[in-house]
Amino acid sequence: EYIKSRIKTPESIVKKLKSDGYESTIENMRNYINDIAGIRIICSFREDIYFLADCLLEQDDITLIQRKDYIENPKENGYRSLHLIVEVPIFLEHKKKMMKVEVQLRTIAMDFWASLEHKLKYKKDIAFDQLTADLKKCADESAALDLKMDAIRKEIEVLKAPEAKAIGREVKHLPGGILNENQ
């Protein structure tokens, strides 16, 4: 559907290194920050997530460092997404360097939930059990919606198959009227 990207600000990199107990050096940045650049790929269907991840990882200049499948194993709060830490080449003026990048792949429903959950709760230190439960319920409902949309997509694909078209021509009577062979 669409792709979002971002690059961490120098201030954010320094803050992350310090919070993880590291000095702010270029070497530590390369070794300990896995998401200086981030890409979020928003897909229509869950199947598309895994297809695109496989396509990405088949590229000969991309190396998988880490894979976290929060779709198959959602976080406790209901968060779902596929996260890949990959090394990709970046081309500088006179040389090529490998850089770690975080790639997140989500469906539209997963992204909708995660974006709103982030706005409602993230970094606000809210420890209200009912709010947490309500957000988790919304995540579960979004996941159920994804599964239902996948089922509808598969049903449409079956109906569009040549066998289904042949069967459809043989049907003469349907509720609401009679079809002729050309309809």
Foldseek 3Di string as FASTA:
>chain_A
DDKDKDADDLVRLCVVCVVVPHHPDPVCSQVPPQARMEMEAEAAAPVVQVVVVVVVCVDPQKAWDDWDACLVPPDPLLQGWIKTWIWHWDDDPPDIDTGTHIYIYYYPLNVVLVVVCCVVPNPPPDDDVVVSVVSNVSSVVSSVVNVVVVVVVVVVVVCPDPVNLVVVLVQQDDPPDGDHSVD
